Structure formats: structure tokens, C-alpha cells
PDB file of N, CA and C in Angstrom:
ATOM      1  N   MET A   1      21.773  85.838 -38.211  1.00  0.00           N
ATOM      2  CA  MET A   1      20.936  84.928 -38.961  1.00  0.00           C
ATOM      3  C   MET A   1      20.457  83.814 -38.029  1.00  0.00           C
ATOM      4  N   SER A   2      19.193  83.500 -38.103  1.00  0.00           N
ATOM      5  CA  SER A   2      18.593  82.482 -37.254  1.00  0.00           C
ATOM      6  C   SER A   2      18.255  81.247 -38.090  1.00  0.00           C
ATOM      7  N   ILE A   3      18.375  80.084 -37.460  1.00  0.00           N
ATOM      8  CA  ILE A   3      17.988  78.860 -38.164  1.00  0.00           C
ATOM      9  C   ILE A   3      16.487  78.641 -38.083  1.00  0.00           C
ATOM     10  N   PHE A   4      15.807  79.439 -37.236  1.00  0.00           N
ATOM     11  CA  PHE A   4      14.370  79.310 -37.056  1.00  0.00           C
ATOM     12  C   PHE A   4      13.649  80.321 -37.926  1.00  0.00           C
ATOM     13  N   ASP A   5      12.579  79.898 -38.570  1.00  0.00           N
ATOM     14  CA  ASP A   5      11.749  80.809 -39.358  1.00  0.00           C
ATOM     15  C   ASP A   5      10.778  81.523 -38.440  1.00  0.00           C
ATOM     16  N   ASP A   6      10.422  82.753 -38.807  1.00  0.00           N
ATOM     17  CA  ASP A   6       9.416  83.482 -38.040  1.00  0.00           C
ATOM     18  C   ASP A   6       8.047  82.873 -38.293  1.00  0.00           C
ATOM     19  N   VAL A   7       7.220  82.922 -37.256  1.00  0.00           N
ATOM     20  CA  VAL A   7       5.857  82.405 -37.360  1.00  0.00           C
ATOM     21  C   VAL A   7       4.911  83.594 -37.336  1.00  0.00           C
ATOM     22  N   THR A   8       4.072  83.705 -38.338  1.00  0.00           N
ATOM     23  CA  THR A   8       3.136  84.817 -38.421  1.00  0.00           C
ATOM     24  C   THR A   8       1.941  84.571 -37.495  1.00  0.00           C
ATOM     25  N   PRO A   9       1.208  85.634 -37.128  1.00  0.00           N
ATOM     26  CA  PRO A   9       0.005  85.434 -36.310  1.00  0.00           C
ATOM     27  C   PRO A   9      -1.013  84.505 -36.970  1.00  0.00           C
ATOM     28  N   GLY A  10      -1.107  84.535 -38.277  1.00  0.00           N
ATOM     29  CA  GLY A  10      -2.016  83.628 -38.989  1.00  0.00           C
ATOM     30  C   GLY A  10      -1.592  82.174 -38.830  1.00  0.00           C
ATOM     31  N   GLU A  11      -0.283  81.934 -38.906  1.00  0.00           N
ATOM     32  CA  GLU A  11       0.225  80.577 -38.715  1.00  0.00           C
ATOM     33  C   GLU A  11       0.022  80.111 -37.274  1.00  0.00           C
ATOM     34  N   GLU A  12       0.146  81.051 -36.329  1.00  0.00           N
ATOM     35  CA  GLU A  12      -0.098  80.713 -34.924  1.00  0.00           C
ATOM     36  C   GLU A  12      -1.539  80.267 -34.721  1.00  0.00           C
ATOM     37  N   ALA A  13      -2.490  81.033 -35.259  1.00  0.00           N
ATOM     38  CA  ALA A  13      -3.909  80.688 -35.126  1.00  0.00           C
ATOM     39  C   ALA A  13      -4.198  79.343 -35.785  1.00  0.00           C
ATOM     40  N   GLU A  14      -3.603  79.117 -36.947  1.00  0.00           N
ATOM     41  CA  GLU A  14      -3.793  77.853 -37.653  1.00  0.00           C
ATOM     42  C   GLU A  14      -3.222  76.681 -36.842  1.00  0.00           C
ATOM     43  N   THR A  15      -2.083  76.892 -36.198  1.00  0.00           N
ATOM     44  CA  THR A  15      -1.465  75.841 -35.397  1.00  0.00           C
ATOM     45  C   THR A  15      -2.299  75.526 -34.165  1.00  0.00           C
ATOM     46  N   VAL A  16      -2.837  76.552 -33.501  1.00  0.00           N
ATOM     47  CA  VAL A  16      -3.701  76.334 -32.339  1.00  0.00           C
ATOM     48  C   VAL A  16      -4.932  75.526 -32.767  1.00  0.00           C
ATOM     49  N   ASP A  17      -5.514  75.873 -33.910  1.00  0.00           N
ATOM     50  CA  ASP A  17      -6.670  75.128 -34.413  1.00  0.00           C
ATOM     51  C   ASP A  17      -6.304  73.679 -34.745  1.00  0.00           C
ATOM     52  N   THR A  18      -5.124  73.480 -35.309  1.00  0.00           N
ATOM     53  CA  THR A  18      -4.674  72.125 -35.639  1.00  0.00           C
ATOM     54  C   THR A  18      -4.507  71.290 -34.378  1.00  0.00           C
ATOM     55  N   VAL A  19      -3.895  71.876 -33.350  1.00  0.00           N
ATOM     56  CA  VAL A  19      -3.705  71.161 -32.085  1.00  0.00           C
ATOM     57  C   VAL A  19      -5.064  70.845 -31.463  1.00  0.00           C
ATOM     58  N   TYR A  20      -5.977  71.810 -31.512  1.00  0.00           N
ATOM     59  CA  TYR A  20      -7.327  71.614 -30.975  1.00  0.00           C
ATOM     60  C   TYR A  20      -8.020  70.438 -31.678  1.00  0.00           C
ATOM     61  N   LYS A  21      -7.962  70.417 -33.008  1.00  0.00           N
ATOM     62  CA  LYS A  21      -8.597  69.339 -33.776  1.00  0.00           C
ATOM     63  C   LYS A  21      -7.953  67.988 -33.470  1.00  0.00           C
ATOM     64  N   LEU A  22      -6.626  67.980 -33.310  1.00  0.00           N
ATOM     65  CA  LEU A  22      -5.915  66.750 -32.980  1.00  0.00           C
ATOM     66  C   LEU A  22      -6.368  66.202 -31.637  1.00  0.00           C
ATOM     67  N   ILE A  23      -6.541  67.082 -30.662  1.00  0.00           N
ATOM     68  CA  ILE A  23      -7.008  66.670 -29.331  1.00  0.00           C
ATOM     69  C   ILE A  23      -8.435  66.136 -29.416  1.00  0.00           C
ATOM     70  N   LYS A  24      -9.319  66.826 -30.144  1.00  0.00           N
ATOM     71  CA  LYS A  24     -10.713  66.406 -30.267  1.00  0.00           C
ATOM     72  C   LYS A  24     -10.841  65.078 -31.007  1.00  0.00           C
ATOM     73  N   GLU A  25     -10.070  64.891 -32.083  1.00  0.00           N
ATOM     74  CA  GLU A  25     -10.146  63.650 -32.859  1.00  0.00           C
ATOM     75  C   GLU A  25      -9.783  62.436 -32.011  1.00  0.00           C
ATOM     76  N   ARG A  26      -8.826  62.623 -31.125  1.00  0.00           N
ATOM     77  CA  ARG A  26      -8.361  61.511 -30.300  1.00  0.00           C
ATOM     78  C   ARG A  26      -9.080  61.423 -28.951  1.00  0.00           C
ATOM     79  N   LYS A  27     -10.048  62.327 -28.758  1.00  0.00           N
ATOM     80  CA  LYS A  27     -10.857  62.367 -27.527  1.00  0.00           C
ATOM     81  C   LYS A  27      -9.992  62.460 -26.273  1.00  0.00           C
ATOM     82  N   LEU A  28      -9.024  63.392 -26.318  1.00  0.00           N
ATOM     83  CA  LEU A  28      -8.101  63.591 -25.208  1.00  0.00           C
ATOM     84  C   LEU A  28      -8.331  64.926 -24.507  1.00  0.00           C
ATOM     85  N   GLU A  29      -9.565  65.399 -24.501  1.00  0.00           N
ATOM     86  CA  GLU A  29      -9.852  66.714 -23.953  1.00  0.00           C
ATOM     87  C   GLU A  29      -9.467  66.833 -22.475  1.00  0.00           C
ATOM     88  N   THR A  30      -9.872  65.853 -21.665  1.00  0.00           N
ATOM     89  CA  THR A  30      -9.603  65.917 -20.231  1.00  0.00           C
ATOM     90  C   THR A  30      -8.109  65.864 -19.949  1.00  0.00           C
ATOM     91  N   ALA A  31      -7.414  64.950 -20.591  1.00  0.00           N
ATOM     92  CA  ALA A  31      -5.970  64.835 -20.395  1.00  0.00           C
ATOM     93  C   ALA A  31      -5.257  66.102 -20.861  1.00  0.00           C
ATOM     94  N   ALA A  32      -5.686  66.652 -21.989  1.00  0.00           N
ATOM     95  CA  ALA A  32      -5.066  67.869 -22.505  1.00  0.00           C
ATOM     96  C   ALA A  32      -5.290  69.037 -21.551  1.00  0.00           C
ATOM     97  N   LEU A  33      -6.502  69.151 -21.012  1.00  0.00           N
ATOM     98  CA  LEU A  33      -6.771  70.226 -20.057  1.00  0.00           C
ATOM     99  C   LEU A  33      -5.905  70.090 -18.810  1.00  0.00           C
ATOM    100  N   LEU A  34      -5.773  68.879 -18.303  1.00  0.00           N
ATOM    101  CA  LEU A  34      -4.929  68.670 -17.123  1.00  0.00           C
ATOM    102  C   LEU A  34      -3.483  69.069 -17.399  1.00  0.00           C
ATOM    103  N   ILE A  35      -2.961  68.631 -18.525  1.00  0.00           N
ATOM    104  CA  ILE A  35      -1.565  68.934 -18.855  1.00  0.00           C
ATOM    105  C   ILE A  35      -1.379  70.421 -19.137  1.00  0.00           C
ATOM    106  N   LEU A  36      -2.287  71.005 -19.906  1.00  0.00           N
ATOM    107  CA  LEU A  36      -2.145  72.424 -20.247  1.00  0.00           C
ATOM    108  C   LEU A  36      -2.270  73.324 -19.025  1.00  0.00           C
ATOM    109  N   ARG A  37      -3.188  72.991 -18.122  1.00  0.00           N
ATOM    110  CA  ARG A  37      -3.327  73.793 -16.911  1.00  0.00           C
ATOM    111  C   ARG A  37      -2.115  73.638 -15.994  1.00  0.00           C
ATOM    112  N   ALA A  38      -1.618  72.421 -15.868  1.00  0.00           N
ATOM    113  CA  ALA A  38      -0.495  72.164 -14.968  1.00  0.00           C
ATOM    114  C   ALA A  38       0.824  72.711 -15.528  1.00  0.00           C
ATOM    115  N   ALA A  39       1.048  72.486 -16.801  1.00  0.00           N
ATOM    116  CA  ALA A  39       2.335  72.850 -17.386  1.00  0.00           C
ATOM    117  C   ALA A  39       2.278  74.129 -18.209  1.00  0.00           C
ATOM    118  N   GLY A  40       1.120  74.751 -18.300  1.00  0.00           N
ATOM    119  CA  GLY A  40       0.972  75.954 -19.117  1.00  0.00           C
ATOM    120  C   GLY A  40       1.863  77.100 -18.694  1.00  0.00           C
ATOM    121  N   LEU A  41       2.127  77.199 -17.406  1.00  0.00           N
ATOM    122  CA  LEU A  41       2.983  78.276 -16.915  1.00  0.00           C
ATOM    123  C   LEU A  41       4.431  78.095 -17.343  1.00  0.00           C
ATOM    124  N   PHE A  42       4.805  76.857 -17.639  1.00  0.00           N
ATOM    125  CA  PHE A  42       6.175  76.577 -18.043  1.00  0.00           C
ATOM    126  C   PHE A  42       6.334  76.536 -19.556  1.00  0.00           C
ATOM    127  N   ALA A  43       5.326  76.957 -20.294  1.00  0.00           N
ATOM    128  CA  ALA A  43       5.362  76.903 -21.755  1.00  0.00           C
ATOM    129  C   ALA A  43       6.548  77.672 -22.342  1.00  0.00           C
ATOM    130  N   PRO A  44       6.852  78.887 -21.860  1.00  0.00           N
ATOM    131  CA  PRO A  44       8.017  79.582 -22.429  1.00  0.00           C
ATOM    132  C   PRO A  44       9.328  78.825 -22.189  1.00  0.00           C
ATOM    133  N   LEU A  45       9.472  78.245 -21.015  1.00  0.00           N
ATOM    134  CA  LEU A  45      10.677  77.472 -20.714  1.00  0.00           C
ATOM    135  C   LEU A  45      10.747  76.220 -21.586  1.00  0.00           C
ATOM    136  N   ALA A  46       9.624  75.534 -21.743  1.00  0.00           N
ATOM    137  CA  ALA A  46       9.590  74.332 -22.575  1.00  0.00           C
ATOM    138  C   ALA A  46       9.915  74.670 -24.030  1.00  0.00           C
ATOM    139  N   GLY A  47       9.411  75.810 -24.511  1.00  0.00           N
ATOM    140  CA  GLY A  47       9.716  76.227 -25.884  1.00  0.00           C
ATOM    141  C   GLY A  47      11.196  76.515 -26.073  1.00  0.00           C
ATOM    142  N   ALA A  48      11.791  77.182 -25.089  1.00  0.00           N
ATOM    143  CA  ALA A  48      13.228  77.477 -25.173  1.00  0.00           C
ATOM    144  C   ALA A  48      14.046  76.192 -25.159  1.00  0.00           C
ATOM    145  N   MET A  49      13.651  75.267 -24.303  1.00  0.00           N
ATOM    146  CA  MET A  49      14.363  73.985 -24.241  1.00  0.00           C
ATOM    147  C   MET A  49      14.184  73.201 -25.538  1.00  0.00           C
ATOM    148  N   GLY A  50      12.978  73.229 -26.088  1.00  0.00           N
ATOM    149  CA  GLY A  50      12.725  72.539 -27.352  1.00  0.00           C
ATOM    150  C   GLY A  50      13.577  73.090 -28.473  1.00  0.00           C
ATOM    151  N   ARG A  51      13.676  74.412 -28.551  1.00  0.00           N
ATOM    152  CA  ARG A  51      14.515  75.016 -29.588  1.00  0.00           C
ATOM    153  C   ARG A  51      15.987  74.691 -29.365  1.00  0.00           C
ATOM    154  N   PHE A  52      16.417  74.643 -28.096  1.00  0.00           N
ATOM    155  CA  PHE A  52      17.814  74.340 -27.797  1.00  0.00           C
ATOM    156  C   PHE A  52      18.167  72.917 -28.233  1.00  0.00           C
ATOM    157  N   PHE A  53      17.335  71.951 -27.842  1.00  0.00           N
ATOM    158  CA  PHE A  53      17.653  70.567 -28.147  1.00  0.00           C
ATOM    159  C   PHE A  53      17.354  70.184 -29.591  1.00  0.00           C
ATOM    160  N   LEU A  54      16.365  70.835 -30.202  1.00  0.00           N
ATOM    161  CA  LEU A  54      16.032  70.519 -31.581  1.00  0.00           C
ATOM    162  C   LEU A  54      16.741  71.415 -32.587  1.00  0.00           C
ATOM    163  N   GLY A  55      17.442  72.425 -32.089  1.00  0.00           N
ATOM    164  CA  GLY A  55      18.139  73.366 -32.961  1.00  0.00           C
ATOM    165  C   GLY A  55      19.029  72.721 -34.005  1.00  0.00           C
ATOM    166  N   PRO A  56      19.883  71.760 -33.610  1.00  0.00           N
ATOM    167  CA  PRO A  56      20.768  71.160 -34.600  1.00  0.00           C
ATOM    168  C   PRO A  56      20.045  70.388 -35.706  1.00  0.00           C
ATOM    169  N   VAL A  57      18.854  69.870 -35.428  1.00  0.00           N
ATOM    170  CA  VAL A  57      18.149  69.087 -36.445  1.00  0.00           C
ATOM    171  C   VAL A  57      16.982  69.839 -37.076  1.00  0.00           C
ATOM    172  N   THR A  58      16.743  71.071 -36.642  1.00  0.00           N
ATOM    173  CA  THR A  58      15.626  71.856 -37.173  1.00  0.00           C
ATOM    174  C   THR A  58      15.664  72.000 -38.695  1.00  0.00           C
ATOM    175  N   PRO A  59      16.817  72.253 -39.295  1.00  0.00           N
ATOM    176  CA  PRO A  59      16.813  72.374 -40.769  1.00  0.00           C
ATOM    177  C   PRO A  59      16.354  71.111 -41.481  1.00  0.00           C
ATOM    178  N   PHE A  60      16.458  69.965 -40.830  1.00  0.00           N
ATOM    179  CA  PHE A  60      16.068  68.701 -41.450  1.00  0.00           C
ATOM    180  C   PHE A  60      14.629  68.305 -41.139  1.00  0.00           C
ATOM    181  N   MET A  61      14.043  68.905 -40.074  1.00  0.00           N
ATOM    182  CA  MET A  61      12.694  68.525 -39.636  1.00  0.00           C
ATOM    183  C   MET A  61      11.608  69.152 -40.475  1.00  0.00           C
ATOM    184  N   GLY A  62      11.811  70.382 -40.858  1.00  0.00           N
ATOM    185  CA  GLY A  62      10.755  71.100 -41.546  1.00  0.00           C
ATOM    186  C   GLY A  62      10.160  72.164 -40.650  1.00  0.00           C
ATOM    187  N   HIS A  63       9.287  72.952 -41.203  1.00  0.00           N
ATOM    188  CA  HIS A  63       8.753  74.122 -40.504  1.00  0.00           C
ATOM    189  C   HIS A  63       7.594  73.781 -39.579  1.00  0.00           C
ATOM    190  N   ARG A  64       6.929  72.645 -39.765  1.00  0.00           N
ATOM    191  CA  ARG A  64       5.747  72.324 -38.962  1.00  0.00           C
ATOM    192  C   ARG A  64       6.081  72.215 -37.477  1.00  0.00           C
ATOM    193  N   GLU A  65       7.101  71.433 -37.128  1.00  0.00           N
ATOM    194  CA  GLU A  65       7.469  71.253 -35.725  1.00  0.00           C
ATOM    195  C   GLU A  65       7.922  72.566 -35.115  1.00  0.00           C
ATOM    196  N   GLU A  66       8.617  73.338 -35.902  1.00  0.00           N
ATOM    197  CA  GLU A  66       9.087  74.646 -35.453  1.00  0.00           C
ATOM    198  C   GLU A  66       7.905  75.569 -35.134  1.00  0.00           C
ATOM    199  N   LYS A  67       6.879  75.547 -35.997  1.00  0.00           N
ATOM    200  CA  LYS A  67       5.679  76.355 -35.747  1.00  0.00           C
ATOM    201  C   LYS A  67       5.015  75.934 -34.447  1.00  0.00           C
ATOM    202  N   TRP A  68       4.965  74.635 -34.168  1.00  0.00           N
ATOM    203  CA  TRP A  68       4.326  74.145 -32.943  1.00  0.00           C
ATOM    204  C   TRP A  68       5.086  74.658 -31.723  1.00  0.00           C
ATOM    205  N   ILE A  69       6.416  74.610 -31.777  1.00  0.00           N
ATOM    206  CA  ILE A  69       7.222  75.090 -30.644  1.00  0.00           C
ATOM    207  C   ILE A  69       6.988  76.573 -30.428  1.00  0.00           C
ATOM    208  N   TRP A  70       7.101  77.364 -31.489  1.00  0.00           N
ATOM    209  CA  TRP A  70       6.932  78.817 -31.362  1.00  0.00           C
ATOM    210  C   TRP A  70       5.522  79.173 -30.889  1.00  0.00           C
ATOM    211  N   THR A  71       4.535  78.477 -31.366  1.00  0.00           N
ATOM    212  CA  THR A  71       3.149  78.796 -31.024  1.00  0.00           C
ATOM    213  C   THR A  71       2.820  78.405 -29.592  1.00  0.00           C
ATOM    214  N   LEU A  72       3.174  77.188 -29.201  1.00  0.00           N
ATOM    215  CA  LEU A  72       2.780  76.691 -27.885  1.00  0.00           C
ATOM    216  C   LEU A  72       3.675  77.176 -26.754  1.00  0.00           C
ATOM    217  N   GLU A  73       4.740  77.919 -27.086  1.00  0.00           N
ATOM    218  CA  GLU A  73       5.540  78.490 -26.011  1.00  0.00           C
ATOM    219  C   GLU A  73       4.940  79.815 -25.523  1.00  0.00           C
ATOM    220  N   LYS A  74       3.992  80.331 -26.256  1.00  0.00           N
ATOM    221  CA  LYS A  74       3.350  81.591 -25.863  1.00  0.00           C
ATOM    222  C   LYS A  74       2.164  81.293 -24.958  1.00  0.00           C
ATOM    223  N   THR A  75       2.172  81.898 -23.798  1.00  0.00           N
ATOM    224  CA  THR A  75       1.141  81.647 -22.797  1.00  0.00           C
ATOM    225  C   THR A  75      -0.248  81.987 -23.319  1.00  0.00           C
ATOM    226  N   GLU A  76      -0.355  83.039 -24.118  1.00  0.00           N
ATOM    227  CA  GLU A  76      -1.683  83.426 -24.624  1.00  0.00           C
ATOM    228  C   GLU A  76      -2.245  82.355 -25.562  1.00  0.00           C
ATOM    229  N   ASN A  77      -1.391  81.673 -26.314  1.00  0.00           N
ATOM    230  CA  ASN A  77      -1.877  80.596 -27.184  1.00  0.00           C
ATOM    231  C   ASN A  77      -2.298  79.375 -26.377  1.00  0.00           C
ATOM    232  N   VAL A  78      -1.560  79.072 -25.307  1.00  0.00           N
ATOM    233  CA  VAL A  78      -1.940  77.964 -24.428  1.00  0.00           C
ATOM    234  C   VAL A  78      -3.279  78.281 -23.770  1.00  0.00           C
ATOM    235  N   ASN A  79      -3.443  79.528 -23.309  1.00  0.00           N
ATOM    236  CA  ASN A  79      -4.710  79.937 -22.684  1.00  0.00           C
ATOM    237  C   ASN A  79      -5.869  79.886 -23.685  1.00  0.00           C
ATOM    238  N   LYS A  80      -5.592  80.243 -24.944  1.00  0.00           N
ATOM    239  CA  LYS A  80      -6.628  80.171 -25.977  1.00  0.00           C
ATOM    240  C   LYS A  80      -7.055  78.721 -26.200  1.00  0.00           C
ATOM    241  N   LEU A  81      -6.098  77.818 -26.230  1.00  0.00           N
ATOM    242  CA  LEU A  81      -6.397  76.397 -26.414  1.00  0.00           C
ATOM    243  C   LEU A  81      -7.199  75.859 -25.232  1.00  0.00           C
ATOM    244  N   ILE A  82      -6.836  76.263 -24.015  1.00  0.00           N
ATOM    245  CA  ILE A  82      -7.585  75.854 -22.826  1.00  0.00           C
ATOM    246  C   ILE A  82      -9.022  76.363 -22.915  1.00  0.00           C
ATOM    247  N   ALA A  83      -9.185  77.627 -23.309  1.00  0.00           N
ATOM    248  CA  ALA A  83     -10.525  78.216 -23.416  1.00  0.00           C
ATOM    249  C   ALA A  83     -11.367  77.479 -24.460  1.00  0.00           C
ATOM    250  N   MET A  84     -10.755  77.094 -25.581  1.00  0.00           N
ATOM    251  CA  MET A  84     -11.485  76.365 -26.623  1.00  0.00           C
ATOM    252  C   MET A  84     -11.952  75.012 -26.094  1.00  0.00           C
ATOM    253  N   LEU A  85     -11.082  74.315 -25.383  1.00  0.00           N
ATOM    254  CA  LEU A  85     -11.437  73.007 -24.842  1.00  0.00           C
ATOM    255  C   LEU A  85     -12.499  73.114 -23.749  1.00  0.00           C
ATOM    256  N   GLU A  86     -12.385  74.144 -22.903  1.00  0.00           N
ATOM    257  CA  GLU A  86     -13.372  74.342 -21.836  1.00  0.00           C
ATOM    258  C   GLU A  86     -14.729  74.712 -22.406  1.00  0.00           C
ATOM    259  N   ALA A  87     -14.754  75.512 -23.470  1.00  0.00           N
ATOM    260  CA  ALA A  87     -16.021  75.900 -24.097  1.00  0.00           C
ATOM    261  C   ALA A  87     -16.745  74.669 -24.630  1.00  0.00           C
ATOM    262  N   ASP A  88     -15.999  73.758 -25.243  1.00  0.00           N
ATOM    263  CA  ASP A  88     -16.612  72.520 -25.739  1.00  0.00           C
ATOM    264  C   ASP A  88     -17.112  71.662 -24.591  1.00  0.00           C
ATOM    265  N   GLU A  89     -16.352  71.627 -23.511  1.00  0.00           N
ATOM    266  CA  GLU A  89     -16.748  70.836 -22.352  1.00  0.00           C
ATOM    267  C   GLU A  89     -18.052  71.367 -21.756  1.00  0.00           C
ATOM    268  N   GLU A  90     -18.195  72.685 -21.714  1.00  0.00           N
ATOM    269  CA  GLU A  90     -19.419  73.299 -21.182  1.00  0.00           C
ATOM    270  C   GLU A  90     -20.612  73.008 -22.085  1.00  0.00           C
ATOM    271  N   LYS A  91     -20.388  73.050 -23.397  1.00  0.00           N
ATOM    272  CA  LYS A  91     -21.480  72.752 -24.335  1.00  0.00           C
ATOM    273  C   LYS A  91     -21.969  71.320 -24.165  1.00  0.00           C
ATOM    274  N   GLU A  92     -21.025  70.405 -23.999  1.00  0.00           N
ATOM    275  CA  GLU A  92     -21.391  69.001 -23.850  1.00  0.00           C
ATOM    276  C   GLU A  92     -22.035  68.720 -22.504  1.00  0.00           C
ATOM    277  N   ALA A  93     -21.732  69.535 -21.503  1.00  0.00           N
ATOM    278  CA  ALA A  93     -22.267  69.310 -20.159  1.00  0.00           C
ATOM    279  C   ALA A  93     -23.654  69.921 -19.975  1.00  0.00           C
ATOM    280  N   GLU A  94     -24.092  70.775 -20.897  1.00  0.00           N
ATOM    281  CA  GLU A  94     -25.412  71.390 -20.776  1.00  0.00           C
ATOM    282  C   GLU A  94     -26.496  70.315 -20.822  1.00  0.00           C
ATOM    283  N   PRO A  95     -27.469  70.406 -19.950  1.00  0.00           N
ATOM    284  CA  PRO A  95     -28.535  69.390 -19.972  1.00  0.00           C
ATOM    285  C   PRO A  95     -29.395  69.554 -21.228  1.00  0.00           C
ATOM    286  N   CYS A  96     -29.953  68.476 -21.609  1.00  0.00           N
ATOM    287  CA  CYS A  96     -30.836  68.461 -22.760  1.00  0.00           C
ATOM    288  C   CYS A  96     -32.088  69.284 -22.433  1.00  0.00           C
ATOM    289  N   LEU A  97     -32.503  70.127 -23.363  1.00  0.00           N
ATOM    290  CA  LEU A  97     -33.670  70.971 -23.114  1.00  0.00           C
ATOM    291  C   LEU A  97     -34.972  70.203 -23.205  1.00  0.00           C
ATOM    292  N   GLU A  98     -34.967  69.124 -23.952  1.00  0.00           N
ATOM    293  CA  GLU A  98     -36.184  68.329 -24.065  1.00  0.00           C
ATOM    294  C   GLU A  98     -36.372  67.509 -22.805  1.00  0.00           C
ATOM    295  N   THR A  99     -37.540  67.554 -22.271  1.00  0.00           N
ATOM    296  CA  THR A  99     -37.814  66.760 -21.072  1.00  0.00           C
ATOM    297  C   THR A  99     -38.964  65.801 -21.376  1.00  0.00           C
ATOM    298  N   THR A 100     -38.911  64.694 -20.730  1.00  0.00           N
ATOM    299  CA  THR A 100     -39.988  63.724 -20.905  1.00  0.00           C
ATOM    300  C   THR A 100     -40.991  63.940 -19.777  1.00  0.00           C
ATOM    301  N   PRO A 101     -42.253  63.786 -20.066  1.00  0.00           N
ATOM    302  CA  PRO A 101     -43.252  63.966 -19.003  1.00  0.00           C
ATOM    303  C   PRO A 101     -43.109  62.851 -17.956  1.00  0.00           C
ATOM    304  N   PRO A 102     -43.379  63.177 -16.712  1.00  0.00           N
ATOM    305  CA  PRO A 102     -43.268  62.145 -15.674  1.00  0.00           C
ATOM    306  C   PRO A 102     -44.261  61.017 -15.904  1.00  0.00           C
ATOM    307  N   ALA A 103     -43.870  59.846 -15.549  1.00  0.00           N
ATOM    308  CA  ALA A 103     -44.734  58.681 -15.713  1.00  0.00           C
ATOM    309  C   ALA A 103     -45.864  58.760 -14.711  1.00  0.00           C
ATOM    310  N   SER A 104     -47.075  58.487 -15.179  1.00  0.00           N
ATOM    311  CA  SER A 104     -48.246  58.551 -14.293  1.00  0.00           C
ATOM    312  C   SER A 104     -48.697  57.184 -13.876  1.00  0.00           C
TER     313      SER A 104
END
């Protein structure tokens, strides 16, 4: 018997979207990209450590924090979040198509 609840693929997708929205609302895209790229390879280790240290209090915390740990410890979810943030960055960096005529 495990004290951790299983996280479904639907809950994983919802959690990635929630994290993405949280980053966008606080305008932390650049900082999030730096951290995710630098520490993304250690996501499985960080998830294991999080479950180890939070294990005794997990029954009192609720399922939300547990979903975040399970979701963000998977490298594919971290890569998906990076791709979402990079796609937005590229959209914002595109030059405006409207041009003003040169001054004569």
C-alpha cells in the first residue's frame, strides 16, 4: 500500500497547464526557462527527494502537491513545459508584419 495516489495522464496534462499558467501570470518565463533547462535533467531525482521528505506529511497536504511532484519529476513533462514556454517566446519575438513607410 502506498501513501501516494496515482496520477492519471489527464491530471498530468492539467498540472503542466496549471504550472504554465502560473509562470505566465507572474511573468517568470525567462527565469522558468533557465531553471527548467538547468535542473530539468535532475527532475527524477528531485521528485524522489520530494516524496522522501514530504512523505510523512503527504496525507495532511492533499493531492495537489503530490500531483505536482509526480508530474514534474517526469522528464517528458518538463520538456513539454519548456516547449510551451519557448513557443510563446518565439511568438512574442516575431516582428510586426505592419510596416510604416519611410519618411520622405
